[in-house]
C-alpha atoms as a PDB file:
ATOM      1  CA  MET A   1     116.359  70.443 103.385  1.00  0.00           C
ATOM      2  CA  SER A   2     112.590  70.136 103.144  1.00  0.00           C
ATOM      3  CA  LYS A   3     110.562  71.213 106.176  1.00  0.00           C
ATOM      4  CA  LYS A   4     107.190  69.984 107.343  1.00  0.00           C
ATOM      5  CA  LEU A   5     104.869  72.891 108.155  1.00  0.00           C
ATOM      6  CA  LEU A   6     101.449  73.195 109.746  1.00  0.00           C
ATOM      7  CA  MET A   7      98.966  75.836 108.567  1.00  0.00           C
ATOM      8  CA  LEU A   8      96.006  76.661 110.847  1.00  0.00           C
ATOM      9  CA  VAL A   9      92.993  77.876 108.877  1.00  0.00           C
ATOM     10  CA  GLY A  10      89.266  78.252 109.337  1.00  0.00           C
ATOM     11  CA  ASP A  11      86.245  79.570 107.522  1.00  0.00           C
ATOM     12  CA  TYR A  12      86.728  83.108 106.248  1.00  0.00           C
ATOM     13  CA  ALA A  13      90.480  83.023 106.434  1.00  0.00           C
ATOM     14  CA  GLU A  14      91.772  85.691 104.073  1.00  0.00           C
ATOM     15  CA  ASP A  15      92.044  84.117 100.609  1.00  0.00           C
ATOM     16  CA  TYR A  16      95.446  85.528  99.602  1.00  0.00           C
ATOM     17  CA  GLU A  17      96.908  84.997 103.075  1.00  0.00           C
ATOM     18  CA  THR A  18      95.970  81.328 102.826  1.00  0.00           C
ATOM     19  CA  MET A  19      96.598  80.495  99.166  1.00  0.00           C
ATOM     20  CA  VAL A  20      99.840  82.411  98.573  1.00  0.00           C
ATOM     21  CA  PRO A  21     101.890  81.096 101.525  1.00  0.00           C
ATOM     22  CA  PHE A  22     100.509  77.584 101.021  1.00  0.00           C
ATOM     23  CA  GLN A  23     101.578  77.584  97.361  1.00  0.00           C
ATOM     24  CA  THR A  24     104.861  79.425  97.994  1.00  0.00           C
ATOM     25  CA  LEU A  25     105.978  76.985 100.656  1.00  0.00           C
ATOM     26  CA  LEU A  26     105.048  74.017  98.451  1.00  0.00           C
ATOM     27  CA  ALA A  27     106.885  75.581  95.500  1.00  0.00           C
ATOM     28  CA  VAL A  28     110.160  75.721  97.422  1.00  0.00           C
ATOM     29  CA  GLY A  29     109.860  72.048  98.354  1.00  0.00           C
ATOM     30  CA  HIS A  30     108.305  72.103 101.823  1.00  0.00           C
ATOM     31  CA  THR A  31     105.399  69.928 102.944  1.00  0.00           C
ATOM     32  CA  VAL A  32     102.437  71.978 104.189  1.00  0.00           C
ATOM     33  CA  HIS A  33      99.524  70.437 106.050  1.00  0.00           C
ATOM     34  CA  ALA A  34      96.547  72.807 106.038  1.00  0.00           C
ATOM     35  CA  VAL A  35      94.165  71.941 108.873  1.00  0.00           C
ATOM     36  CA  CYS A  36      91.003  73.279 110.481  1.00  0.00           C
ATOM     37  CA  PRO A  37      89.408  72.161 113.763  1.00  0.00           C
ATOM     38  CA  ASP A  38      86.723  69.501 113.301  1.00  0.00           C
ATOM     39  CA  LYS A  39      87.542  69.064 109.594  1.00  0.00           C
ATOM     40  CA  LYS A  40      89.382  66.405 107.635  1.00  0.00           C
ATOM     41  CA  ALA A  41      91.506  66.207 104.508  1.00  0.00           C
ATOM     42  CA  GLY A  42      89.332  66.909 101.479  1.00  0.00           C
ATOM     43  CA  ASP A  43      86.950  69.202 103.374  1.00  0.00           C
ATOM     44  CA  THR A  44      86.929  72.839 102.309  1.00  0.00           C
ATOM     45  CA  ILE A  45      86.750  76.174 104.050  1.00  0.00           C
ATOM     46  CA  ALA A  46      85.294  79.392 102.707  1.00  0.00           C
ATOM     47  CA  THR A  47      87.818  82.181 102.251  1.00  0.00           C
ATOM     48  CA  ALA A  48      87.292  85.915 101.948  1.00  0.00           C
ATOM     49  CA  ILE A  49      89.105  88.496  99.847  1.00  0.00           C
ATOM     50  CA  HIS A  50      89.936  91.584 101.822  1.00  0.00           C
ATOM     51  CA  ASP A  51      90.903  94.690  99.895  1.00  0.00           C
ATOM     52  CA  PHE A  52      91.925  98.245 100.685  1.00  0.00           C
ATOM     53  CA  GLU A  53      89.603 100.511  98.731  1.00  0.00           C
ATOM     54  CA  GLY A  54      89.728 103.767 100.675  1.00  0.00           C
ATOM     55  CA  ALA A  55      87.201 102.997 103.418  1.00  0.00           C
ATOM     56  CA  GLN A  56      88.085 103.127 107.112  1.00  0.00           C
ATOM     57  CA  THR A  57      88.733  99.392 107.030  1.00  0.00           C
ATOM     58  CA  TYR A  58      89.068  96.686 104.393  1.00  0.00           C
ATOM     59  CA  SER A  59      86.216  95.510 102.187  1.00  0.00           C
ATOM     60  CA  GLU A  60      85.267  91.832 102.063  1.00  0.00           C
ATOM     61  CA  LYS A  61      84.246  89.716  99.089  1.00  0.00           C
ATOM     62  CA  PRO A  62      83.777  85.950  98.768  1.00  0.00           C
ATOM     63  CA  GLY A  63      87.002  84.112  98.010  1.00  0.00           C
ATOM     64  CA  HIS A  64      87.787  80.618  96.757  1.00  0.00           C
ATOM     65  CA  ARG A  65      86.966  77.376  98.494  1.00  0.00           C
ATOM     66  CA  PHE A  66      90.252  76.166  99.992  1.00  0.00           C
ATOM     67  CA  GLN A  67      90.666  72.400 100.261  1.00  0.00           C
ATOM     68  CA  LEU A  68      92.295  71.057 103.400  1.00  0.00           C
ATOM     69  CA  ASN A  69      94.931  68.406 102.829  1.00  0.00           C
ATOM     70  CA  HIS A  70      95.249  66.931 106.328  1.00  0.00           C
ATOM     71  CA  ASP A  71      93.018  65.973 109.274  1.00  0.00           C
ATOM     72  CA  PHE A  72      93.139  68.394 112.212  1.00  0.00           C
ATOM     73  CA  ASP A  73      92.947  65.533 114.719  1.00  0.00           C
ATOM     74  CA  LYS A  74      95.995  63.847 113.166  1.00  0.00           C
ATOM     75  CA  ALA A  75      98.190  66.973 113.256  1.00  0.00           C
ATOM     76  CA  ASP A  76     100.689  66.434 116.068  1.00  0.00           C
ATOM     77  CA  PRO A  77     102.608  69.725 116.463  1.00  0.00           C
ATOM     78  CA  GLY A  78     105.680  67.762 117.555  1.00  0.00           C
ATOM     79  CA  ASN A  79     105.962  66.420 114.000  1.00  0.00           C
ATOM     80  CA  TYR A  80     106.237  69.870 112.386  1.00  0.00           C
ATOM     81  CA  ASP A  81     109.121  72.283 111.874  1.00  0.00           C
ATOM     82  CA  GLY A  82     107.048  75.483 111.653  1.00  0.00           C
ATOM     83  CA  LEU A  83     103.599  77.037 111.889  1.00  0.00           C
ATOM     84  CA  VAL A  84     101.734  79.356 109.497  1.00  0.00           C
ATOM     85  CA  ILE A  85      98.757  81.427 110.685  1.00  0.00           C
ATOM     86  CA  PRO A  86      96.856  83.300 107.959  1.00  0.00           C
ATOM     87  CA  GLY A  87      94.648  86.239 108.862  1.00  0.00           C
ATOM     88  CA  GLY A  88      91.121  87.160 107.936  1.00  0.00           C
ATOM     89  CA  ARG A  89      88.203  86.490 110.222  1.00  0.00           C
ATOM     90  CA  ALA A  90      89.165  82.864 110.981  1.00  0.00           C
ATOM     91  CA  PRO A  91      91.519  83.712 113.895  1.00  0.00           C
ATOM     92  CA  GLU A  92      88.600  85.432 115.615  1.00  0.00           C
ATOM     93  CA  TYR A  93      86.927  82.075 116.247  1.00  0.00           C
ATOM     94  CA  LEU A  94      89.986  79.781 116.097  1.00  0.00           C
ATOM     95  CA  ARG A  95      91.256  81.522 119.240  1.00  0.00           C
ATOM     96  CA  LEU A  96      88.254  80.096 121.111  1.00  0.00           C
ATOM     97  CA  ASP A  97      89.468  76.525 120.527  1.00  0.00           C
ATOM     98  CA  GLN A  98      91.795  75.309 123.295  1.00  0.00           C
ATOM     99  CA  ARG A  99      93.358  72.743 120.938  1.00  0.00           C
ATOM    100  CA  VAL A 100      94.413  75.532 118.561  1.00  0.00           C
ATOM    101  CA  LEU A 101      95.873  77.602 121.406  1.00  0.00           C
ATOM    102  CA  ASP A 102      97.821  74.566 122.619  1.00  0.00           C
ATOM    103  CA  ILE A 103      99.287  74.125 119.119  1.00  0.00           C
ATOM    104  CA  VAL A 104     100.396  77.768 119.015  1.00  0.00           C
ATOM    105  CA  ARG A 105     101.934  77.442 122.497  1.00  0.00           C
ATOM    106  CA  HIS A 106     103.804  74.299 121.439  1.00  0.00           C
ATOM    107  CA  PHE A 107     105.523  76.101 118.574  1.00  0.00           C
ATOM    108  CA  ASP A 108     106.335  79.092 120.755  1.00  0.00           C
ATOM    109  CA  GLN A 109     107.721  77.038 123.652  1.00  0.00           C
ATOM    110  CA  ALA A 110     109.791  74.903 121.265  1.00  0.00           C
ATOM    111  CA  ARG A 111     111.041  78.110 119.564  1.00  0.00           C
ATOM    112  CA  LYS A 112     109.984  76.700 116.194  1.00  0.00           C
ATOM    113  CA  PRO A 113     109.378  79.212 113.380  1.00  0.00           C
ATOM    114  CA  ILE A 114     105.937  80.846 113.411  1.00  0.00           C
ATOM    115  CA  ALA A 115     104.609  83.021 110.576  1.00  0.00           C
ATOM    116  CA  ALA A 116     101.463  85.033 111.350  1.00  0.00           C
ATOM    117  CA  ILE A 117      99.887  87.718 109.208  1.00  0.00           C
ATOM    118  CA  CYS A 118      97.078  90.236 109.636  1.00  0.00           C
ATOM    119  CA  HIS A 119      94.513  89.032 112.204  1.00  0.00           C
ATOM    120  CA  GLY A 120      96.694  85.980 112.923  1.00  0.00           C
ATOM    121  CA  ALA A 121      97.992  88.043 115.843  1.00  0.00           C
ATOM    122  CA  GLN A 122      94.644  87.359 117.536  1.00  0.00           C
ATOM    123  CA  LEU A 123      95.722  83.718 117.909  1.00  0.00           C
ATOM    124  CA  LEU A 124      99.136  84.736 119.220  1.00  0.00           C
ATOM    125  CA  ALA A 125      97.537  87.061 121.774  1.00  0.00           C
ATOM    126  CA  ALA A 126      94.951  84.484 122.891  1.00  0.00           C
ATOM    127  CA  ALA A 127      97.693  81.851 123.258  1.00  0.00           C
ATOM    128  CA  ASP A 128      99.579  84.308 125.474  1.00  0.00           C
ATOM    129  CA  VAL A 129     102.833  84.109 123.503  1.00  0.00           C
ATOM    130  CA  LEU A 130     103.424  87.824 122.857  1.00  0.00           C
ATOM    131  CA  LYS A 131     104.820  88.982 126.220  1.00  0.00           C
ATOM    132  CA  GLY A 132     108.036  90.865 125.538  1.00  0.00           C
ATOM    133  CA  ARG A 133     107.802  90.250 121.775  1.00  0.00           C
ATOM    134  CA  LYS A 134     107.506  92.710 118.906  1.00  0.00           C
ATOM    135  CA  CYS A 135     104.740  91.757 116.502  1.00  0.00           C
ATOM    136  CA  SER A 136     103.121  93.249 113.431  1.00  0.00           C
ATOM    137  CA  ALA A 137      99.481  92.707 112.547  1.00  0.00           C
ATOM    138  CA  TYR A 138      96.603  94.409 110.829  1.00  0.00           C
ATOM    139  CA  PRO A 139      96.483  97.833 112.560  1.00  0.00           C
ATOM    140  CA  ALA A 140      93.069  97.081 114.121  1.00  0.00           C
ATOM    141  CA  CYS A 141      94.786  94.268 116.074  1.00  0.00           C
ATOM    142  CA  ALA A 142      97.395  96.587 117.626  1.00  0.00           C
ATOM    143  CA  PRO A 143      95.432  96.903 120.903  1.00  0.00           C
ATOM    144  CA  GLU A 144      95.322  93.097 121.248  1.00  0.00           C
ATOM    145  CA  VAL A 145      99.080  92.840 120.688  1.00  0.00           C
ATOM    146  CA  ARG A 146      99.686  95.474 123.375  1.00  0.00           C
ATOM    147  CA  LEU A 147      97.153  93.996 125.830  1.00  0.00           C
ATOM    148  CA  ALA A 148      98.909  90.628 125.442  1.00  0.00           C
ATOM    149  CA  GLY A 149     102.182  92.224 126.583  1.00  0.00           C
ATOM    150  CA  GLY A 150     103.717  92.664 123.149  1.00  0.00           C
ATOM    151  CA  THR A 151     105.001  95.690 121.312  1.00  0.00           C
ATOM    152  CA  TYR A 152     103.110  96.452 118.118  1.00  0.00           C
ATOM    153  CA  ALA A 153     105.484  96.868 115.153  1.00  0.00           C
ATOM    154  CA  GLU A 154     104.223  99.862 113.181  1.00  0.00           C
ATOM    155  CA  ILE A 155     105.541  99.043 109.734  1.00  0.00           C
ATOM    156  CA  GLY A 156     104.351  99.558 106.183  1.00  0.00           C
ATOM    157  CA  ILE A 157     101.540  97.386 104.857  1.00  0.00           C
ATOM    158  CA  ASP A 158     104.084  95.752 102.522  1.00  0.00           C
ATOM    159  CA  GLN A 159     106.697  95.022 105.194  1.00  0.00           C
ATOM    160  CA  ALA A 160     107.297  92.215 107.691  1.00  0.00           C
ATOM    161  CA  HIS A 161     108.982  91.974 111.074  1.00  0.00           C
ATOM    162  CA  THR A 162     111.058  89.156 112.560  1.00  0.00           C
ATOM    163  CA  ASP A 163     111.506  88.736 116.324  1.00  0.00           C
ATOM    164  CA  GLY A 164     113.506  85.551 116.862  1.00  0.00           C
ATOM    165  CA  ASN A 165     111.334  82.671 115.641  1.00  0.00           C
ATOM    166  CA  LEU A 166     108.278  84.904 115.063  1.00  0.00           C
ATOM    167  CA  VAL A 167     107.695  86.442 111.619  1.00  0.00           C
ATOM    168  CA  THR A 168     104.685  88.763 111.340  1.00  0.00           C
ATOM    169  CA  ALA A 169     103.196  91.150 108.808  1.00  0.00           C
ATOM    170  CA  PRO A 170     100.210  93.511 108.591  1.00  0.00           C
ATOM    171  CA  ALA A 171      98.390  92.146 105.516  1.00  0.00           C
ATOM    172  CA  TRP A 172      98.707  90.358 102.165  1.00  0.00           C
ATOM    173  CA  PRO A 173     100.637  93.179 100.404  1.00  0.00           C
ATOM    174  CA  ALA A 174     103.541  92.066 102.640  1.00  0.00           C
ATOM    175  CA  HIS A 175     103.699  88.526 101.194  1.00  0.00           C
ATOM    176  CA  PRO A 176     107.117  88.973  99.521  1.00  0.00           C
ATOM    177  CA  ALA A 177     108.752  90.319 102.702  1.00  0.00           C
ATOM    178  CA  TRP A 178     106.826  87.969 105.022  1.00  0.00           C
ATOM    179  CA  MET A 179     107.604  84.800 103.080  1.00  0.00           C
ATOM    180  CA  ALA A 180     111.243  85.815 102.508  1.00  0.00           C
ATOM    181  CA  GLN A 181     111.774  86.375 106.234  1.00  0.00           C
ATOM    182  CA  PHE A 182     109.932  83.178 107.173  1.00  0.00           C
ATOM    183  CA  LEU A 183     112.017  81.146 104.707  1.00  0.00           C
ATOM    184  CA  GLU A 184     115.149  82.647 106.250  1.00  0.00           C
ATOM    185  CA  VAL A 185     114.041  81.693 109.775  1.00  0.00           C
ATOM    186  CA  LEU A 186     113.231  78.181 108.494  1.00  0.00           C
ATOM    187  CA  GLY A 187     116.744  77.965 107.065  1.00  0.00           C
ATOM    188  CA  THR A 188     115.471  77.515 103.521  1.00  0.00           C
ATOM    189  CA  ARG A 189     118.080  78.255 100.896  1.00  0.00           C
ATOM    190  CA  ILE A 190     117.084  79.065  97.337  1.00  0.00           C
ATOM    191  CA  SER A 191     119.812  79.203  94.719  1.00  0.00           C
ATOM    192  CA  HIS A 192     119.531  80.558  91.222  1.00  0.00           C
END
């Protein structure tokens, strides 16, 4: 059965963490509405490509322009079956928007599936939905997970963690595990 999903993005969302789940979820037959505060369908956001090249943290390069396909102001969280939160730098400022935090809280309180990757944990922490939960994130976000009352899941960069309705992962190398676990929580069945 097809699900209707909401994806919260903003400028400088990580390119792969936006494009890959968006396309994957569409490919398996789900509807995905990608939205950004104060933007409408057809507007674009800048993305960034983060890579692991041996420095103390990731490098950043310009990514693609990602076109939104739905108006933020028309996205009623009650009409969606799940939420996707890509990482990158976007969560850093999205967490300052009360409307975004209310959306995250809606999905948490309704126990609807939530997939967050990398710095997406910053939105979870700011929305105060991590108390008593185990959550993975980019390692630099571990203190925020802990300060929000969660337990940081120390897993490989290519792994994901599921805690009830919450599916999290450290970064884009985890896409296969992250999407597989999210599809399972959504109840998506793929047959060959």
